[in-house]
C-alpha atoms as a PDB file:
ATOM      1  CA  UNK A   1      32.949 -57.914  97.467  1.00  0.00           C
ATOM      2  CA  UNK A   2      31.889 -56.695  94.027  1.00  0.00           C
ATOM      3  CA  UNK A   3      31.316 -59.244  91.277  1.00  0.00           C
ATOM      4  CA  UNK A   4      34.296 -58.971  88.974  1.00  0.00           C
ATOM      5  CA  UNK A   5      35.478 -61.894  86.839  1.00  0.00           C
ATOM      6  CA  UNK A   6      38.935 -60.307  86.598  1.00  0.00           C
ATOM      7  CA  UNK A   7      39.597 -61.524  90.137  1.00  0.00           C
ATOM      8  CA  UNK A   8      41.520 -64.808  90.134  1.00  0.00           C
ATOM      9  CA  UNK A   9      40.233 -66.198  93.459  1.00  0.00           C
ATOM     10  CA  UNK A  10      36.748 -67.720  93.539  1.00  0.00           C
ATOM     11  CA  UNK A  11      34.461 -70.074  95.441  1.00  0.00           C
ATOM     12  CA  UNK A  12      31.136 -71.694  94.685  1.00  0.00           C
ATOM     13  CA  UNK A  13      28.413 -71.043  97.256  1.00  0.00           C
ATOM     14  CA  UNK A  14      25.334 -73.177  96.597  1.00  0.00           C
ATOM     15  CA  UNK A  15      24.905 -72.501  92.861  1.00  0.00           C
ATOM     16  CA  UNK A  16      26.627 -69.088  92.724  1.00  0.00           C
ATOM     17  CA  UNK A  17      30.251 -68.370  91.876  1.00  0.00           C
ATOM     18  CA  UNK A  18      31.752 -65.669  94.081  1.00  0.00           C
ATOM     19  CA  UNK A  19      34.960 -63.917  92.976  1.00  0.00           C
ATOM     20  CA  UNK A  20      37.485 -62.452  95.427  1.00  0.00           C
ATOM     21  CA  UNK A  21      40.228 -59.849  95.167  1.00  0.00           C
ATOM     22  CA  UNK A  22      42.674 -61.864  97.282  1.00  0.00           C
ATOM     23  CA  UNK A  23      43.292 -65.304  98.797  1.00  0.00           C
ATOM     24  CA  UNK A  24      42.670 -63.762 102.223  1.00  0.00           C
ATOM     25  CA  UNK A  25      39.161 -62.628 101.299  1.00  0.00           C
ATOM     26  CA  UNK A  26      38.416 -66.059  99.868  1.00  0.00           C
ATOM     27  CA  UNK A  27      39.607 -67.800 103.063  1.00  0.00           C
ATOM     28  CA  UNK A  28      37.472 -65.542 105.255  1.00  0.00           C
ATOM     29  CA  UNK A  29      34.394 -66.207 103.106  1.00  0.00           C
ATOM     30  CA  UNK A  30      35.029 -69.965 102.952  1.00  0.00           C
ATOM     31  CA  UNK A  31      35.205 -70.205 106.754  1.00  0.00           C
ATOM     32  CA  UNK A  32      31.686 -68.805 107.186  1.00  0.00           C
ATOM     33  CA  UNK A  33      29.893 -68.192 103.867  1.00  0.00           C
ATOM     34  CA  UNK A  34      26.445 -67.758 105.461  1.00  0.00           C
ATOM     35  CA  UNK A  35      27.714 -64.664 107.283  1.00  0.00           C
ATOM     36  CA  UNK A  36      28.496 -62.918 103.991  1.00  0.00           C
ATOM     37  CA  UNK A  37      25.996 -64.488 101.574  1.00  0.00           C
ATOM     38  CA  UNK A  38      23.148 -62.202 102.644  1.00  0.00           C
ATOM     39  CA  UNK A  39      25.282 -59.105 102.143  1.00  0.00           C
ATOM     40  CA  UNK A  40      26.112 -60.309  98.636  1.00  0.00           C
ATOM     41  CA  UNK A  41      22.476 -60.990  97.785  1.00  0.00           C
ATOM     42  CA  UNK A  42      22.992 -64.742  97.468  1.00  0.00           C
END
């Protein structure tokens, strides 16, 4: 997911704020953030 502060959905992973384009994307990330953190460079 690209970093875009225009997105309304967000989560904090460790010390990073991750923005999402939809509630669905946020839910998927929140269930298993370690799976996606590496792909996001976190």
